[in-house]
Amino acid sequence: MAIQVTESAANKIKDGLIKEGYPDGGLRLGVKGGGCSGLNYVIRFEEGQKPGDKVFEHYGARIFVDFKSLLYLKGTTLDWQGSFMKEGFTFLNPNAQNTCSCGISFSV
């Protein structure tokens, strides 16, 4: 199963890459221990992929995921929500059993 990216998220990724000076780079998605639910999402702009990364591309935006993180992120959809109350990336992760209210932490 791949990681999916909505068109609105892809547009924000491409804008962010240009702003960060990595127009040919991608967005790294990962998972690390911590947070109130046990695991935290990691998200950052990077110049290029690392050896062993799985690369996904949607709407012209590239996503880099290391093998270990992919185990927790398979089937996830990355979306962008922009509203008066909240603006940012959201994760729709079918592997998450519980999530915290901020959406940054989850457990499996």
PDB file of N, CA and C in Angstrom:
ATOM      1  N   MET A   1       0.828  -1.192   0.000  1.00  0.00           N
ATOM      2  CA  MET A   1       0.000   0.000   0.000  1.00  0.00           C
ATOM      3  C   MET A   1       0.867   1.248   0.000  1.00  0.00           C
ATOM      4  N   ALA A   2       0.446   2.196  -0.748  1.00  0.00           N
ATOM      5  CA  ALA A   2       1.214   3.433  -0.889  1.00  0.00           C
ATOM      6  C   ALA A   2       0.711   4.505   0.059  1.00  0.00           C
ATOM      7  N   ILE A   3       1.476   5.559   0.117  1.00  0.00           N
ATOM      8  CA  ILE A   3       1.054   6.776   0.808  1.00  0.00           C
ATOM      9  C   ILE A   3       0.356   7.635  -0.238  1.00  0.00           C
ATOM     10  N   GLN A   4      -0.806   8.152   0.088  1.00  0.00           N
ATOM     11  CA  GLN A   4      -1.558   9.007  -0.824  1.00  0.00           C
ATOM     12  C   GLN A   4      -1.411  10.470  -0.369  1.00  0.00           C
ATOM     13  N   VAL A   5      -1.492  11.365  -1.316  1.00  0.00           N
ATOM     14  CA  VAL A   5      -1.404  12.797  -1.036  1.00  0.00           C
ATOM     15  C   VAL A   5      -2.529  13.480  -1.801  1.00  0.00           C
ATOM     16  N   THR A   6      -3.305  14.291  -1.113  1.00  0.00           N
ATOM     17  CA  THR A   6      -4.362  15.020  -1.794  1.00  0.00           C
ATOM     18  C   THR A   6      -3.757  16.140  -2.634  1.00  0.00           C
ATOM     19  N   GLU A   7      -4.542  16.644  -3.556  1.00  0.00           N
ATOM     20  CA  GLU A   7      -4.053  17.731  -4.403  1.00  0.00           C
ATOM     21  C   GLU A   7      -3.725  18.974  -3.586  1.00  0.00           C
ATOM     22  N   SER A   8      -4.538  19.292  -2.582  1.00  0.00           N
ATOM     23  CA  SER A   8      -4.262  20.479  -1.761  1.00  0.00           C
ATOM     24  C   SER A   8      -2.973  20.300  -0.965  1.00  0.00           C
ATOM     25  N   ALA A   9      -2.715  19.092  -0.457  1.00  0.00           N
ATOM     26  CA  ALA A   9      -1.457  18.835   0.264  1.00  0.00           C
ATOM     27  C   ALA A   9      -0.274  18.923  -0.691  1.00  0.00           C
ATOM     28  N   ALA A  10      -0.423  18.380  -1.890  1.00  0.00           N
ATOM     29  CA  ALA A  10       0.664  18.430  -2.878  1.00  0.00           C
ATOM     30  C   ALA A  10       1.018  19.874  -3.226  1.00  0.00           C
ATOM     31  N   ASN A  11       0.012  20.713  -3.372  1.00  0.00           N
ATOM     32  CA  ASN A  11       0.282  22.121  -3.679  1.00  0.00           C
ATOM     33  C   ASN A  11       1.039  22.804  -2.547  1.00  0.00           C
ATOM     34  N   LYS A  12       0.689  22.500  -1.296  1.00  0.00           N
ATOM     35  CA  LYS A  12       1.401  23.089  -0.147  1.00  0.00           C
ATOM     36  C   LYS A  12       2.828  22.558  -0.064  1.00  0.00           C
ATOM     37  N   ILE A  13       3.012  21.288  -0.398  1.00  0.00           N
ATOM     38  CA  ILE A  13       4.360  20.707  -0.391  1.00  0.00           C
ATOM     39  C   ILE A  13       5.225  21.422  -1.424  1.00  0.00           C
ATOM     40  N   LYS A  14       4.728  21.575  -2.629  1.00  0.00           N
ATOM     41  CA  LYS A  14       5.508  22.232  -3.688  1.00  0.00           C
ATOM     42  C   LYS A  14       5.825  23.682  -3.316  1.00  0.00           C
ATOM     43  N   ASP A  15       4.854  24.383  -2.751  1.00  0.00           N
ATOM     44  CA  ASP A  15       5.094  25.757  -2.303  1.00  0.00           C
ATOM     45  C   ASP A  15       6.170  25.799  -1.214  1.00  0.00           C
ATOM     46  N   GLY A  16       6.080  24.884  -0.258  1.00  0.00           N
ATOM     47  CA  GLY A  16       7.049  24.829   0.839  1.00  0.00           C
ATOM     48  C   GLY A  16       8.447  24.499   0.367  1.00  0.00           C
ATOM     49  N   LEU A  17       8.555  23.596  -0.594  1.00  0.00           N
ATOM     50  CA  LEU A  17       9.870  23.238  -1.129  1.00  0.00           C
ATOM     51  C   LEU A  17      10.538  24.423  -1.799  1.00  0.00           C
ATOM     52  N   ILE A  18       9.774  25.194  -2.532  1.00  0.00           N
ATOM     53  CA  ILE A  18      10.326  26.389  -3.173  1.00  0.00           C
ATOM     54  C   ILE A  18      10.766  27.392  -2.113  1.00  0.00           C
ATOM     55  N   LYS A  19       9.919  27.592  -1.110  1.00  0.00           N
ATOM     56  CA  LYS A  19      10.225  28.529  -0.026  1.00  0.00           C
ATOM     57  C   LYS A  19      11.487  28.129   0.737  1.00  0.00           C
ATOM     58  N   GLU A  20      11.686  26.812   0.942  1.00  0.00           N
ATOM     59  CA  GLU A  20      12.842  26.307   1.685  1.00  0.00           C
ATOM     60  C   GLU A  20      14.099  26.200   0.818  1.00  0.00           C
ATOM     61  N   GLY A  21      13.974  26.434  -0.487  1.00  0.00           N
ATOM     62  CA  GLY A  21      15.128  26.359  -1.375  1.00  0.00           C
ATOM     63  C   GLY A  21      15.417  24.964  -1.898  1.00  0.00           C
ATOM     64  N   TYR A  22      14.422  24.073  -1.870  1.00  0.00           N
ATOM     65  CA  TYR A  22      14.569  22.706  -2.368  1.00  0.00           C
ATOM     66  C   TYR A  22      13.549  22.431  -3.485  1.00  0.00           C
ATOM     67  N   PRO A  23      13.568  23.188  -4.566  1.00  0.00           N
ATOM     68  CA  PRO A  23      12.528  23.028  -5.588  1.00  0.00           C
ATOM     69  C   PRO A  23      12.458  21.636  -6.198  1.00  0.00           C
ATOM     70  N   ASP A  24      13.557  20.888  -6.164  1.00  0.00           N
ATOM     71  CA  ASP A  24      13.575  19.529  -6.704  1.00  0.00           C
ATOM     72  C   ASP A  24      13.555  18.476  -5.602  1.00  0.00           C
ATOM     73  N   GLY A  25      13.289  18.899  -4.371  1.00  0.00           N
ATOM     74  CA  GLY A  25      13.301  17.998  -3.221  1.00  0.00           C
ATOM     75  C   GLY A  25      11.959  17.346  -2.987  1.00  0.00           C
ATOM     76  N   GLY A  26      11.731  16.998  -1.728  1.00  0.00           N
ATOM     77  CA  GLY A  26      10.485  16.349  -1.356  1.00  0.00           C
ATOM     78  C   GLY A  26      10.194  16.560   0.112  1.00  0.00           C
ATOM     79  N   LEU A  27       9.083  16.004   0.528  1.00  0.00           N
ATOM     80  CA  LEU A  27       8.661  16.075   1.921  1.00  0.00           C
ATOM     81  C   LEU A  27       8.932  14.732   2.574  1.00  0.00           C
ATOM     82  N   ARG A  28       9.693  14.745   3.664  1.00  0.00           N
ATOM     83  CA  ARG A  28       9.946  13.511   4.407  1.00  0.00           C
ATOM     84  C   ARG A  28       8.838  13.295   5.418  1.00  0.00           C
ATOM     85  N   LEU A  29       8.250  12.105   5.360  1.00  0.00           N
ATOM     86  CA  LEU A  29       7.294  11.663   6.368  1.00  0.00           C
ATOM     87  C   LEU A  29       7.948  10.546   7.148  1.00  0.00           C
ATOM     88  N   GLY A  30       7.796  10.584   8.460  1.00  0.00           N
ATOM     89  CA  GLY A  30       8.366   9.548   9.294  1.00  0.00           C
ATOM     90  C   GLY A  30       7.599   9.404  10.590  1.00  0.00           C
ATOM     91  N   VAL A  31       8.061   8.480  11.391  1.00  0.00           N
ATOM     92  CA  VAL A  31       7.459   8.201  12.691  1.00  0.00           C
ATOM     93  C   VAL A  31       8.586   8.046  13.695  1.00  0.00           C
ATOM     94  N   LYS A  32       8.394   8.617  14.890  1.00  0.00           N
ATOM     95  CA  LYS A  32       9.357   8.430  15.973  1.00  0.00           C
ATOM     96  C   LYS A  32       8.582   8.240  17.274  1.00  0.00           C
ATOM     97  N   GLY A  33       9.220   7.615  18.224  1.00  0.00           N
ATOM     98  CA  GLY A  33       8.602   7.395  19.522  1.00  0.00           C
ATOM     99  C   GLY A  33       8.416   8.699  20.263  1.00  0.00           C
ATOM    100  N   GLY A  34       7.299   8.804  21.019  1.00  0.00           N
ATOM    101  CA  GLY A  34       7.048   9.989  21.828  1.00  0.00           C
ATOM    102  C   GLY A  34       5.612  10.446  21.709  1.00  0.00           C
ATOM    103  N   GLY A  35       5.328  11.567  22.291  1.00  0.00           N
ATOM    104  CA  GLY A  35       3.978  12.117  22.236  1.00  0.00           C
ATOM    105  C   GLY A  35       3.050  11.471  23.236  1.00  0.00           C
ATOM    106  N   CYS A  36       1.885  11.999  23.343  1.00  0.00           N
ATOM    107  CA  CYS A  36       0.941  11.519  24.351  1.00  0.00           C
ATOM    108  C   CYS A  36       0.305  10.178  23.985  1.00  0.00           C
ATOM    109  N   SER A  37       0.403   9.771  22.708  1.00  0.00           N
ATOM    110  CA  SER A  37      -0.171   8.483  22.313  1.00  0.00           C
ATOM    111  C   SER A  37       0.876   7.423  22.006  1.00  0.00           C
ATOM    112  N   GLY A  38       2.161   7.774  22.077  1.00  0.00           N
ATOM    113  CA  GLY A  38       3.227   6.790  21.900  1.00  0.00           C
ATOM    114  C   GLY A  38       4.101   6.985  20.688  1.00  0.00           C
ATOM    115  N   LEU A  39       3.538   7.462  19.576  1.00  0.00           N
ATOM    116  CA  LEU A  39       4.303   7.703  18.358  1.00  0.00           C
ATOM    117  C   LEU A  39       3.965   9.085  17.818  1.00  0.00           C
ATOM    118  N   ASN A  40       4.954   9.763  17.271  1.00  0.00           N
ATOM    119  CA  ASN A  40       4.766  11.086  16.672  1.00  0.00           C
ATOM    120  C   ASN A  40       5.047  11.019  15.185  1.00  0.00           C
ATOM    121  N   TYR A  41       4.300  11.785  14.416  1.00  0.00           N
ATOM    122  CA  TYR A  41       4.607  11.959  13.006  1.00  0.00           C
ATOM    123  C   TYR A  41       5.772  12.934  12.879  1.00  0.00           C
ATOM    124  N   VAL A  42       6.655  12.663  11.929  1.00  0.00           N
ATOM    125  CA  VAL A  42       7.772  13.544  11.597  1.00  0.00           C
ATOM    126  C   VAL A  42       7.518  14.039  10.180  1.00  0.00           C
ATOM    127  N   ILE A  43       7.662  15.324   9.988  1.00  0.00           N
ATOM    128  CA  ILE A  43       7.440  15.905   8.672  1.00  0.00           C
ATOM    129  C   ILE A  43       8.429  17.051   8.481  1.00  0.00           C
ATOM    130  N   ARG A  44       9.177  17.007   7.355  1.00  0.00           N
ATOM    131  CA  ARG A  44      10.131  18.081   7.078  1.00  0.00           C
ATOM    132  C   ARG A  44      10.484  18.071   5.588  1.00  0.00           C
ATOM    133  N   PHE A  45      10.885  19.217   5.100  1.00  0.00           N
ATOM    134  CA  PHE A  45      11.317  19.349   3.714  1.00  0.00           C
ATOM    135  C   PHE A  45      12.765  18.914   3.608  1.00  0.00           C
ATOM    136  N   GLU A  46      13.087  18.185   2.521  1.00  0.00           N
ATOM    137  CA  GLU A  46      14.465  17.733   2.310  1.00  0.00           C
ATOM    138  C   GLU A  46      14.852  17.903   0.850  1.00  0.00           C
ATOM    139  N   GLU A  47      16.152  18.055   0.654  1.00  0.00           N
ATOM    140  CA  GLU A  47      16.689  18.281  -0.681  1.00  0.00           C
ATOM    141  C   GLU A  47      16.544  17.055  -1.574  1.00  0.00           C
ATOM    142  N   GLY A  48      16.668  15.868  -0.993  1.00  0.00           N
ATOM    143  CA  GLY A  48      16.587  14.651  -1.801  1.00  0.00           C
ATOM    144  C   GLY A  48      16.365  13.431  -0.936  1.00  0.00           C
ATOM    145  N   GLN A  49      16.119  12.320  -1.604  1.00  0.00           N
ATOM    146  CA  GLN A  49      15.877  11.076  -0.895  1.00  0.00           C
ATOM    147  C   GLN A  49      17.178  10.498  -0.352  1.00  0.00           C
ATOM    148  N   LYS A  50      17.052   9.625   0.624  1.00  0.00           N
ATOM    149  CA  LYS A  50      18.184   8.928   1.214  1.00  0.00           C
ATOM    150  C   LYS A  50      18.165   7.479   0.732  1.00  0.00           C
ATOM    151  N   PRO A  51      19.322   6.795   0.785  1.00  0.00           N
ATOM    152  CA  PRO A  51      19.333   5.392   0.375  1.00  0.00           C
ATOM    153  C   PRO A  51      18.313   4.580   1.181  1.00  0.00           C
ATOM    154  N   GLY A  52      17.558   3.755   0.496  1.00  0.00           N
ATOM    155  CA  GLY A  52      16.564   2.920   1.156  1.00  0.00           C
ATOM    156  C   GLY A  52      15.190   3.549   1.281  1.00  0.00           C
ATOM    157  N   ASP A  53      15.058   4.832   0.947  1.00  0.00           N
ATOM    158  CA  ASP A  53      13.758   5.489   1.017  1.00  0.00           C
ATOM    159  C   ASP A  53      12.810   4.944  -0.047  1.00  0.00           C
ATOM    160  N   LYS A  54      11.550   4.884   0.292  1.00  0.00           N
ATOM    161  CA  LYS A  54      10.488   4.651  -0.682  1.00  0.00           C
ATOM    162  C   LYS A  54      10.013   6.040  -1.088  1.00  0.00           C
ATOM    163  N   VAL A  55       9.854   6.276  -2.385  1.00  0.00           N
ATOM    164  CA  VAL A  55       9.459   7.583  -2.888  1.00  0.00           C
ATOM    165  C   VAL A  55       8.071   7.466  -3.520  1.00  0.00           C
ATOM    166  N   PHE A  56       7.187   8.354  -3.111  1.00  0.00           N
ATOM    167  CA  PHE A  56       5.840   8.431  -3.674  1.00  0.00           C
ATOM    168  C   PHE A  56       5.693   9.790  -4.331  1.00  0.00           C
ATOM    169  N   GLU A  57       4.988   9.833  -5.447  1.00  0.00           N
ATOM    170  CA  GLU A  57       4.768  11.116  -6.107  1.00  0.00           C
ATOM    171  C   GLU A  57       3.297  11.259  -6.476  1.00  0.00           C
ATOM    172  N   HIS A  58       2.722  12.394  -6.078  1.00  0.00           N
ATOM    173  CA  HIS A  58       1.333  12.702  -6.375  1.00  0.00           C
ATOM    174  C   HIS A  58       1.231  14.177  -6.744  1.00  0.00           C
ATOM    175  N   TYR A  59       0.566  14.451  -7.842  1.00  0.00           N
ATOM    176  CA  TYR A  59       0.333  15.834  -8.288  1.00  0.00           C
ATOM    177  C   TYR A  59       1.637  16.639  -8.366  1.00  0.00           C
ATOM    178  N   GLY A  60       2.738  15.959  -8.709  1.00  0.00           N
ATOM    179  CA  GLY A  60       4.018  16.636  -8.854  1.00  0.00           C
ATOM    180  C   GLY A  60       4.784  16.854  -7.557  1.00  0.00           C
ATOM    181  N   ALA A  61       4.270  16.361  -6.440  1.00  0.00           N
ATOM    182  CA  ALA A  61       4.967  16.479  -5.140  1.00  0.00           C
ATOM    183  C   ALA A  61       5.532  15.116  -4.749  1.00  0.00           C
ATOM    184  N   ARG A  62       6.784  15.111  -4.303  1.00  0.00           N
ATOM    185  CA  ARG A  62       7.421  13.865  -3.884  1.00  0.00           C
ATOM    186  C   ARG A  62       7.426  13.722  -2.370  1.00  0.00           C
ATOM    187  N   ILE A  63       7.224  12.477  -1.927  1.00  0.00           N
ATOM    188  CA  ILE A  63       7.233  12.123  -0.510  1.00  0.00           C
ATOM    189  C   ILE A  63       8.314  11.078  -0.308  1.00  0.00           C
ATOM    190  N   PHE A  64       9.174  11.277   0.699  1.00  0.00           N
ATOM    191  CA  PHE A  64      10.219  10.321   1.056  1.00  0.00           C
ATOM    192  C   PHE A  64       9.842   9.661   2.375  1.00  0.00           C
ATOM    193  N   VAL A  65       9.907   8.322   2.415  1.00  0.00           N
ATOM    194  CA  VAL A  65       9.586   7.579   3.643  1.00  0.00           C
ATOM    195  C   VAL A  65      10.620   6.489   3.837  1.00  0.00           C
ATOM    196  N   ASP A  66      11.226   6.437   5.029  1.00  0.00           N
ATOM    197  CA  ASP A  66      12.169   5.367   5.325  1.00  0.00           C
ATOM    198  C   ASP A  66      11.391   4.070   5.592  1.00  0.00           C
ATOM    199  N   PHE A  67      12.062   2.932   5.452  1.00  0.00           N
ATOM    200  CA  PHE A  67      11.408   1.629   5.550  1.00  0.00           C
ATOM    201  C   PHE A  67      10.690   1.414   6.882  1.00  0.00           C
ATOM    202  N   LYS A  68      11.349   1.757   7.976  1.00  0.00           N
ATOM    203  CA  LYS A  68      10.747   1.550   9.303  1.00  0.00           C
ATOM    204  C   LYS A  68       9.456   2.358   9.463  1.00  0.00           C
ATOM    205  N   SER A  69       9.484   3.617   9.049  1.00  0.00           N
ATOM    206  CA  SER A  69       8.292   4.458   9.160  1.00  0.00           C
ATOM    207  C   SER A  69       7.169   3.969   8.255  1.00  0.00           C
ATOM    208  N   LEU A  70       7.532   3.408   7.112  1.00  0.00           N
ATOM    209  CA  LEU A  70       6.524   2.931   6.177  1.00  0.00           C
ATOM    210  C   LEU A  70       5.652   1.839   6.797  1.00  0.00           C
ATOM    211  N   LEU A  71       6.217   1.071   7.713  1.00  0.00           N
ATOM    212  CA  LEU A  71       5.436   0.043   8.399  1.00  0.00           C
ATOM    213  C   LEU A  71       4.243   0.634   9.141  1.00  0.00           C
ATOM    214  N   TYR A  72       4.404   1.844   9.668  1.00  0.00           N
ATOM    215  CA  TYR A  72       3.338   2.528  10.413  1.00  0.00           C
ATOM    216  C   TYR A  72       2.466   3.435   9.537  1.00  0.00           C
ATOM    217  N   LEU A  73       2.978   3.770   8.343  1.00  0.00           N
ATOM    218  CA  LEU A  73       2.299   4.752   7.500  1.00  0.00           C
ATOM    219  C   LEU A  73       1.613   4.161   6.266  1.00  0.00           C
ATOM    220  N   LYS A  74       1.733   2.862   6.044  1.00  0.00           N
ATOM    221  CA  LYS A  74       1.107   2.247   4.866  1.00  0.00           C
ATOM    222  C   LYS A  74      -0.376   2.585   4.819  1.00  0.00           C
ATOM    223  N   GLY A  75      -0.801   3.053   3.663  1.00  0.00           N
ATOM    224  CA  GLY A  75      -2.210   3.366   3.478  1.00  0.00           C
ATOM    225  C   GLY A  75      -2.628   4.739   3.953  1.00  0.00           C
ATOM    226  N   THR A  76      -1.695   5.507   4.486  1.00  0.00           N
ATOM    227  CA  THR A  76      -2.002   6.844   5.011  1.00  0.00           C
ATOM    228  C   THR A  76      -2.258   7.823   3.871  1.00  0.00           C
ATOM    229  N   THR A  77      -3.191   8.722   4.089  1.00  0.00           N
ATOM    230  CA  THR A  77      -3.426   9.841   3.180  1.00  0.00           C
ATOM    231  C   THR A  77      -3.020  11.121   3.893  1.00  0.00           C
ATOM    232  N   LEU A  78      -2.160  11.893   3.235  1.00  0.00           N
ATOM    233  CA  LEU A  78      -1.740  13.196   3.755  1.00  0.00           C
ATOM    234  C   LEU A  78      -2.610  14.256   3.092  1.00  0.00           C
ATOM    235  N   ASP A  79      -3.242  15.071   3.911  1.00  0.00           N
ATOM    236  CA  ASP A  79      -4.124  16.117   3.407  1.00  0.00           C
ATOM    237  C   ASP A  79      -3.685  17.458   3.980  1.00  0.00           C
ATOM    238  N   TRP A  80      -4.170  18.523   3.384  1.00  0.00           N
ATOM    239  CA  TRP A  80      -3.941  19.877   3.889  1.00  0.00           C
ATOM    240  C   TRP A  80      -5.293  20.480   4.201  1.00  0.00           C
ATOM    241  N   GLN A  81      -5.427  21.000   5.420  1.00  0.00           N
ATOM    242  CA  GLN A  81      -6.651  21.683   5.799  1.00  0.00           C
ATOM    243  C   GLN A  81      -6.320  23.111   6.167  1.00  0.00           C
ATOM    244  N   GLY A  82      -7.050  24.003   5.593  1.00  0.00           N
ATOM    245  CA  GLY A  82      -6.863  25.416   5.898  1.00  0.00           C
ATOM    246  C   GLY A  82      -8.206  26.029   6.232  1.00  0.00           C
ATOM    247  N   SER A  83      -8.384  26.361   7.486  1.00  0.00           N
ATOM    248  CA  SER A  83      -9.630  26.977   7.913  1.00  0.00           C
ATOM    249  C   SER A  83      -9.318  28.058   8.937  1.00  0.00           C
ATOM    250  N   PHE A  84     -10.340  28.728   9.369  1.00  0.00           N
ATOM    251  CA  PHE A  84     -10.182  29.782  10.358  1.00  0.00           C
ATOM    252  C   PHE A  84      -9.597  29.248  11.664  1.00  0.00           C
ATOM    253  N   MET A  85      -9.988  28.033  12.045  1.00  0.00           N
ATOM    254  CA  MET A  85      -9.582  27.462  13.323  1.00  0.00           C
ATOM    255  C   MET A  85      -8.283  26.660  13.257  1.00  0.00           C
ATOM    256  N   LYS A  86      -7.982  26.071  12.085  1.00  0.00           N
ATOM    257  CA  LYS A  86      -6.811  25.211  12.004  1.00  0.00           C
ATOM    258  C   LYS A  86      -6.262  25.207  10.591  1.00  0.00           C
ATOM    259  N   GLU A  87      -4.930  25.235  10.497  1.00  0.00           N
ATOM    260  CA  GLU A  87      -4.286  25.151   9.201  1.00  0.00           C
ATOM    261  C   GLU A  87      -3.083  24.242   9.328  1.00  0.00           C
ATOM    262  N   GLY A  88      -2.981  23.253   8.441  1.00  0.00           N
ATOM    263  CA  GLY A  88      -1.821  22.379   8.453  1.00  0.00           C
ATOM    264  C   GLY A  88      -2.100  21.038   7.813  1.00  0.00           C
ATOM    265  N   PHE A  89      -1.062  20.208   7.787  1.00  0.00           N
ATOM    266  CA  PHE A  89      -1.182  18.862   7.241  1.00  0.00           C
ATOM    267  C   PHE A  89      -1.938  17.981   8.226  1.00  0.00           C
ATOM    268  N   THR A  90      -2.744  17.086   7.698  1.00  0.00           N
ATOM    269  CA  THR A  90      -3.449  16.102   8.521  1.00  0.00           C
ATOM    270  C   THR A  90      -3.165  14.716   7.976  1.00  0.00           C
ATOM    271  N   PHE A  91      -3.109  13.750   8.882  1.00  0.00           N
ATOM    272  CA  PHE A  91      -2.822  12.369   8.537  1.00  0.00           C
ATOM    273  C   PHE A  91      -4.080  11.534   8.727  1.00  0.00           C
ATOM    274  N   LEU A  92      -4.498  10.852   7.682  1.00  0.00           N
ATOM    275  CA  LEU A  92      -5.589   9.891   7.767  1.00  0.00           C
ATOM    276  C   LEU A  92      -4.923   8.516   7.695  1.00  0.00           C
ATOM    277  N   ASN A  93      -4.582   7.988   8.871  1.00  0.00           N
ATOM    278  CA  ASN A  93      -3.767   6.776   8.974  1.00  0.00           C
ATOM    279  C   ASN A  93      -4.638   5.600   9.408  1.00  0.00           C
ATOM    280  N   PRO A  94      -4.853   4.615   8.524  1.00  0.00           N
ATOM    281  CA  PRO A  94      -5.686   3.467   8.885  1.00  0.00           C
ATOM    282  C   PRO A  94      -5.045   2.562   9.930  1.00  0.00           C
ATOM    283  N   ASN A  95      -3.746   2.723  10.184  1.00  0.00           N
ATOM    284  CA  ASN A  95      -3.039   1.897  11.166  1.00  0.00           C
ATOM    285  C   ASN A  95      -3.158   2.436  12.583  1.00  0.00           C
ATOM    286  N   ALA A  96      -3.573   3.686  12.733  1.00  0.00           N
ATOM    287  CA  ALA A  96      -3.647   4.328  14.048  1.00  0.00           C
ATOM    288  C   ALA A  96      -4.866   3.811  14.812  1.00  0.00           C
ATOM    289  N   GLN A  97      -4.620   3.248  15.967  1.00  0.00           N
ATOM    290  CA  GLN A  97      -5.705   2.777  16.831  1.00  0.00           C
ATOM    291  C   GLN A  97      -6.262   3.919  17.683  1.00  0.00           C
ATOM    292  N   ASN A  98      -5.374   4.780  18.134  1.00  0.00           N
ATOM    293  CA  ASN A  98      -5.744   5.945  18.946  1.00  0.00           C
ATOM    294  C   ASN A  98      -4.929   7.133  18.463  1.00  0.00           C
ATOM    295  N   THR A  99      -5.515   8.313  18.543  1.00  0.00           N
ATOM    296  CA  THR A  99      -4.796   9.533  18.213  1.00  0.00           C
ATOM    297  C   THR A  99      -5.052  10.566  19.296  1.00  0.00           C
ATOM    298  N   CYS A 100      -4.128  11.497  19.423  1.00  0.00           N
ATOM    299  CA  CYS A 100      -4.336  12.585  20.373  1.00  0.00           C
ATOM    300  C   CYS A 100      -5.195  13.650  19.706  1.00  0.00           C
ATOM    301  N   SER A 101      -5.654  14.592  20.451  1.00  0.00           N
ATOM    302  CA  SER A 101      -6.556  15.610  19.912  1.00  0.00           C
ATOM    303  C   SER A 101      -5.863  16.527  18.899  1.00  0.00           C
ATOM    304  N   CYS A 102      -4.547  16.675  18.979  1.00  0.00           N
ATOM    305  CA  CYS A 102      -3.859  17.561  18.035  1.00  0.00           C
ATOM    306  C   CYS A 102      -3.561  16.868  16.711  1.00  0.00           C
ATOM    307  N   GLY A 103      -3.641  15.527  16.671  1.00  0.00           N
ATOM    308  CA  GLY A 103      -3.423  14.789  15.431  1.00  0.00           C
ATOM    309  C   GLY A 103      -1.970  14.525  15.112  1.00  0.00           C
ATOM    310  N   ILE A 104      -1.045  14.859  15.998  1.00  0.00           N
ATOM    311  CA  ILE A 104       0.379  14.675  15.762  1.00  0.00           C
ATOM    312  C   ILE A 104       0.878  13.362  16.354  1.00  0.00           C
ATOM    313  N   SER A 105       0.166  12.815  17.301  1.00  0.00           N
ATOM    314  CA  SER A 105       0.585  11.618  18.012  1.00  0.00           C
ATOM    315  C   SER A 105      -0.464  10.527  17.822  1.00  0.00           C
ATOM    316  N   PHE A 106       0.027   9.262  17.744  1.00  0.00           N
ATOM    317  CA  PHE A 106      -0.894   8.150  17.574  1.00  0.00           C
ATOM    318  C   PHE A 106      -0.288   6.882  18.165  1.00  0.00           C
ATOM    319  N   SER A 107      -1.111   5.845  18.264  1.00  0.00           N
ATOM    320  CA  SER A 107      -0.640   4.530  18.689  1.00  0.00           C
ATOM    321  C   SER A 107      -1.199   3.487  17.740  1.00  0.00           C
ATOM    322  N   VAL A 108      -0.498   2.352  17.674  1.00  0.00           N
ATOM    323  CA  VAL A 108      -0.935   1.254  16.807  1.00  0.00           C
ATOM    324  C   VAL A 108      -1.231   0.014  17.616  1.00  0.00           C
TER     325      VAL A 108
END
